């Protein structure tokens, strides 16, 4: 069967601004396309404002932030290729 995954759109403050549930097979790129079309922005404008990740990934980031007592600045860590090195 199809596995439905929850995806989140987060701003630079790690606040969830939108969510969607899509089949996990679409991956982060499919979820990104979905959110980008909802916002009606081109890729570079969209990427400058938001990040798309799975709810699971968002929860992991929140745990790191809580443990370290500060915001985990994912946008400074991640490579330019968002799919690289992540097992969604």
N, C-alpha and C. Protein backbone atom coordinates (compact mmCIF):
# COMPACT_ATOMS: atom_id res chain seq x y z
N UNK A 1 0.82 -1.21 0.00
CA UNK A 1 0.00 0.00 0.00
C UNK A 1 0.85 1.26 0.00
N UNK A 2 0.19 2.34 -0.21
CA UNK A 2 0.87 3.64 -0.25
C UNK A 2 1.09 4.14 1.18
N UNK A 3 2.30 4.55 1.46
CA UNK A 3 2.61 5.11 2.77
C UNK A 3 2.45 6.62 2.68
N UNK A 4 1.60 7.17 3.56
CA UNK A 4 1.39 8.61 3.57
C UNK A 4 2.35 9.22 4.60
N UNK A 5 3.06 10.24 4.17
CA UNK A 5 3.98 10.92 5.06
C UNK A 5 3.52 12.34 5.30
N UNK A 6 3.80 12.84 6.46
CA UNK A 6 3.47 14.23 6.77
C UNK A 6 4.71 15.08 6.48
N UNK A 7 4.50 16.11 5.68
CA UNK A 7 5.57 17.04 5.32
C UNK A 7 5.26 18.39 5.93
N UNK A 8 6.28 19.13 6.30
CA UNK A 8 6.08 20.44 6.89
C UNK A 8 6.88 21.50 6.14
N UNK A 9 6.31 22.68 6.10
CA UNK A 9 6.97 23.85 5.53
C UNK A 9 7.38 24.71 6.71
N UNK A 10 8.68 24.95 6.87
CA UNK A 10 9.14 25.70 8.03
C UNK A 10 9.86 26.98 7.60
N UNK A 11 9.75 28.00 8.45
CA UNK A 11 10.47 29.24 8.19
C UNK A 11 11.82 29.19 8.91
N UNK A 12 12.57 30.28 8.81
CA UNK A 12 13.91 30.31 9.40
C UNK A 12 13.91 30.25 10.93
N UNK A 13 12.73 30.39 11.54
CA UNK A 13 12.63 30.29 12.99
C UNK A 13 12.18 28.90 13.41
N UNK A 14 12.23 27.96 12.45
CA UNK A 14 11.80 26.58 12.70
C UNK A 14 10.33 26.47 13.08
N UNK A 15 9.54 27.45 12.66
CA UNK A 15 8.11 27.40 12.91
C UNK A 15 7.43 26.77 11.71
N UNK A 16 6.52 25.86 11.98
CA UNK A 16 5.78 25.24 10.88
C UNK A 16 4.73 26.23 10.38
N UNK A 17 4.78 26.55 9.10
CA UNK A 17 3.82 27.49 8.53
C UNK A 17 2.78 26.78 7.66
N UNK A 18 3.05 25.54 7.30
CA UNK A 18 2.09 24.78 6.51
C UNK A 18 2.44 23.30 6.61
N UNK A 19 1.45 22.45 6.43
CA UNK A 19 1.71 21.01 6.43
C UNK A 19 0.92 20.37 5.30
N UNK A 20 1.36 19.21 4.89
CA UNK A 20 0.58 18.44 3.93
C UNK A 20 0.90 16.97 4.14
N UNK A 21 0.01 16.14 3.68
CA UNK A 21 0.25 14.70 3.74
C UNK A 21 0.21 14.17 2.32
N UNK A 22 1.34 13.61 1.89
CA UNK A 22 1.49 13.11 0.53
C UNK A 22 2.14 11.73 0.63
N UNK A 23 1.93 10.92 -0.37
CA UNK A 23 2.58 9.62 -0.41
C UNK A 23 4.09 9.79 -0.26
N UNK A 24 4.70 8.93 0.55
CA UNK A 24 6.13 9.08 0.85
C UNK A 24 6.98 8.96 -0.40
N UNK A 25 6.48 8.28 -1.41
CA UNK A 25 7.23 8.10 -2.65
C UNK A 25 7.59 9.39 -3.38
N UNK A 26 6.84 10.46 -3.14
CA UNK A 26 7.14 11.71 -3.84
C UNK A 26 8.44 12.33 -3.32
N UNK A 27 8.81 11.97 -2.10
CA UNK A 27 10.04 12.50 -1.52
C UNK A 27 9.95 13.99 -1.22
N UNK A 28 11.07 14.52 -0.76
CA UNK A 28 11.09 15.93 -0.37
C UNK A 28 10.92 16.83 -1.58
N UNK A 29 11.39 16.40 -2.74
CA UNK A 29 11.27 17.26 -3.93
C UNK A 29 9.81 17.40 -4.35
N UNK A 30 9.04 16.32 -4.25
CA UNK A 30 7.61 16.39 -4.57
C UNK A 30 6.86 17.26 -3.59
N UNK A 31 7.19 17.13 -2.32
CA UNK A 31 6.55 17.95 -1.29
C UNK A 31 6.92 19.42 -1.48
N UNK A 32 8.16 19.68 -1.85
CA UNK A 32 8.61 21.05 -2.09
C UNK A 32 7.83 21.67 -3.24
N UNK A 33 7.66 20.91 -4.32
CA UNK A 33 6.89 21.39 -5.48
C UNK A 33 5.47 21.73 -5.07
N UNK A 34 4.87 20.86 -4.26
CA UNK A 34 3.51 21.09 -3.80
C UNK A 34 3.39 22.42 -3.04
N UNK A 35 4.28 22.63 -2.07
CA UNK A 35 4.24 23.86 -1.27
C UNK A 35 4.55 25.09 -2.14
N UNK A 36 5.51 24.94 -3.04
CA UNK A 36 5.91 26.07 -3.88
C UNK A 36 4.76 26.52 -4.77
N UNK A 37 4.01 25.56 -5.30
CA UNK A 37 2.86 25.91 -6.13
C UNK A 37 1.76 26.57 -5.31
N UNK A 38 1.60 26.12 -4.07
CA UNK A 38 0.61 26.77 -3.20
C UNK A 38 0.99 28.21 -2.93
N UNK A 39 2.28 28.47 -2.79
CA UNK A 39 2.77 29.83 -2.51
C UNK A 39 2.94 30.64 -3.80
N UNK A 40 2.90 29.97 -4.93
CA UNK A 40 3.07 30.60 -6.24
C UNK A 40 4.37 31.40 -6.34
N UNK A 41 5.45 30.75 -6.00
CA UNK A 41 6.77 31.38 -6.07
C UNK A 41 7.70 30.55 -6.94
N UNK A 42 8.70 31.22 -7.51
CA UNK A 42 9.73 30.47 -8.22
C UNK A 42 10.66 29.82 -7.20
N UNK A 43 11.47 28.89 -7.67
CA UNK A 43 12.30 28.07 -6.78
C UNK A 43 13.23 28.90 -5.89
N UNK A 44 13.92 29.89 -6.48
CA UNK A 44 14.90 30.63 -5.68
C UNK A 44 14.23 31.49 -4.60
N UNK A 45 13.09 32.11 -4.93
CA UNK A 45 12.37 32.90 -3.93
C UNK A 45 11.89 32.00 -2.81
N UNK A 46 11.36 30.85 -3.21
CA UNK A 46 10.83 29.89 -2.23
C UNK A 46 11.95 29.41 -1.30
N UNK A 47 13.08 29.00 -1.90
CA UNK A 47 14.19 28.46 -1.11
C UNK A 47 14.77 29.48 -0.14
N UNK A 48 14.66 30.76 -0.48
CA UNK A 48 15.18 31.80 0.40
C UNK A 48 14.34 32.01 1.65
N UNK A 49 13.10 31.55 1.62
CA UNK A 49 12.18 31.80 2.72
C UNK A 49 11.88 30.57 3.56
N UNK A 50 11.79 29.43 2.92
CA UNK A 50 11.29 28.25 3.60
C UNK A 50 12.12 27.01 3.33
N UNK A 51 11.87 26.02 4.15
CA UNK A 51 12.49 24.72 4.01
C UNK A 51 11.38 23.68 4.14
N UNK A 52 11.46 22.66 3.30
CA UNK A 52 10.51 21.57 3.38
C UNK A 52 11.23 20.36 3.96
N UNK A 53 10.61 19.71 4.92
CA UNK A 53 11.18 18.49 5.49
C UNK A 53 10.05 17.61 6.00
N UNK A 54 10.39 16.39 6.29
CA UNK A 54 9.38 15.50 6.86
C UNK A 54 9.12 15.91 8.31
N UNK A 55 7.94 15.57 8.79
CA UNK A 55 7.60 15.86 10.18
C UNK A 55 8.62 15.18 11.10
N UNK A 56 9.04 13.99 10.71
CA UNK A 56 10.02 13.23 11.49
C UNK A 56 11.33 14.02 11.63
N UNK A 57 11.79 14.58 10.50
CA UNK A 57 13.02 15.37 10.49
C UNK A 57 12.85 16.62 11.36
N UNK A 58 11.69 17.27 11.25
CA UNK A 58 11.44 18.47 12.04
C UNK A 58 11.51 18.15 13.53
N UNK A 59 10.92 17.03 13.91
CA UNK A 59 10.96 16.62 15.32
C UNK A 59 12.39 16.35 15.79
N UNK A 60 13.21 15.77 14.91
CA UNK A 60 14.63 15.53 15.26
C UNK A 60 15.35 16.85 15.49
N UNK A 61 15.10 17.84 14.64
CA UNK A 61 15.72 19.15 14.78
C UNK A 61 15.28 19.82 16.08
N UNK A 62 13.99 19.70 16.40
CA UNK A 62 13.50 20.25 17.66
C UNK A 62 14.19 19.62 18.86
N UNK A 63 14.42 18.32 18.78
CA UNK A 63 15.11 17.62 19.88
C UNK A 63 16.54 18.13 20.04
N UNK A 64 17.23 18.33 18.91
CA UNK A 64 18.60 18.86 18.97
C UNK A 64 18.59 20.25 19.60
N UNK A 65 17.66 21.10 19.15
CA UNK A 65 17.54 22.47 19.67
C UNK A 65 17.29 22.47 21.17
N UNK A 66 16.38 21.61 21.61
CA UNK A 66 16.04 21.53 23.03
C UNK A 66 17.23 21.06 23.84
N UNK A 67 17.90 20.04 23.33
CA UNK A 67 19.05 19.47 24.04
C UNK A 67 20.18 20.49 24.16
N UNK A 68 20.41 21.23 23.08
CA UNK A 68 21.53 22.19 23.09
C UNK A 68 21.13 23.56 23.63
N UNK A 69 19.84 23.74 23.90
CA UNK A 69 19.37 24.99 24.46
C UNK A 69 19.41 26.17 23.52
N UNK A 70 19.49 25.91 22.23
CA UNK A 70 19.46 26.98 21.24
C UNK A 70 18.87 26.44 19.95
N UNK A 71 18.54 27.36 19.08
CA UNK A 71 17.97 26.95 17.80
C UNK A 71 19.03 26.25 16.96
N UNK A 72 18.65 25.12 16.42
CA UNK A 72 19.53 24.40 15.50
C UNK A 72 19.40 25.04 14.13
N UNK A 73 20.48 25.64 13.65
CA UNK A 73 20.42 26.41 12.41
C UNK A 73 20.69 25.51 11.21
N UNK A 74 19.64 24.78 10.82
CA UNK A 74 19.79 23.81 9.74
C UNK A 74 20.22 24.43 8.43
N UNK A 75 19.84 25.69 8.18
CA UNK A 75 20.17 26.29 6.89
C UNK A 75 21.66 26.60 6.75
N UNK A 76 22.39 26.62 7.87
CA UNK A 76 23.84 26.83 7.80
C UNK A 76 24.58 25.52 7.56
N UNK A 77 23.99 24.41 8.03
CA UNK A 77 24.64 23.09 7.93
C UNK A 77 24.48 22.43 6.59
N UNK A 78 23.29 22.61 6.00
CA UNK A 78 22.95 21.73 4.91
C UNK A 78 23.61 22.15 3.61
N UNK A 79 23.96 21.13 2.84
CA UNK A 79 24.58 21.36 1.55
C UNK A 79 23.56 21.98 0.60
N UNK A 80 24.04 22.43 -0.55
CA UNK A 80 23.15 23.06 -1.51
C UNK A 80 22.20 22.06 -2.15
N UNK A 81 22.56 20.79 -2.13
CA UNK A 81 21.67 19.75 -2.66
C UNK A 81 20.87 19.19 -1.49
N UNK A 82 19.58 19.55 -1.38
CA UNK A 82 18.82 19.17 -0.19
C UNK A 82 18.62 17.67 0.00
N UNK A 83 18.73 16.89 -1.06
CA UNK A 83 18.51 15.45 -0.94
C UNK A 83 19.77 14.69 -0.54
N UNK A 84 20.90 15.37 -0.60
CA UNK A 84 22.18 14.72 -0.35
C UNK A 84 22.35 14.35 1.13
N UNK A 85 22.67 13.11 1.37
CA UNK A 85 23.02 12.71 2.72
C UNK A 85 21.86 12.54 3.68
N UNK A 86 20.63 12.71 3.20
CA UNK A 86 19.49 12.52 4.09
C UNK A 86 18.70 11.32 3.68
N UNK A 87 18.33 10.53 4.65
CA UNK A 87 17.48 9.39 4.39
C UNK A 87 16.07 9.78 4.82
N UNK A 88 15.30 10.30 3.89
CA UNK A 88 13.93 10.69 4.20
C UNK A 88 13.14 9.42 4.33
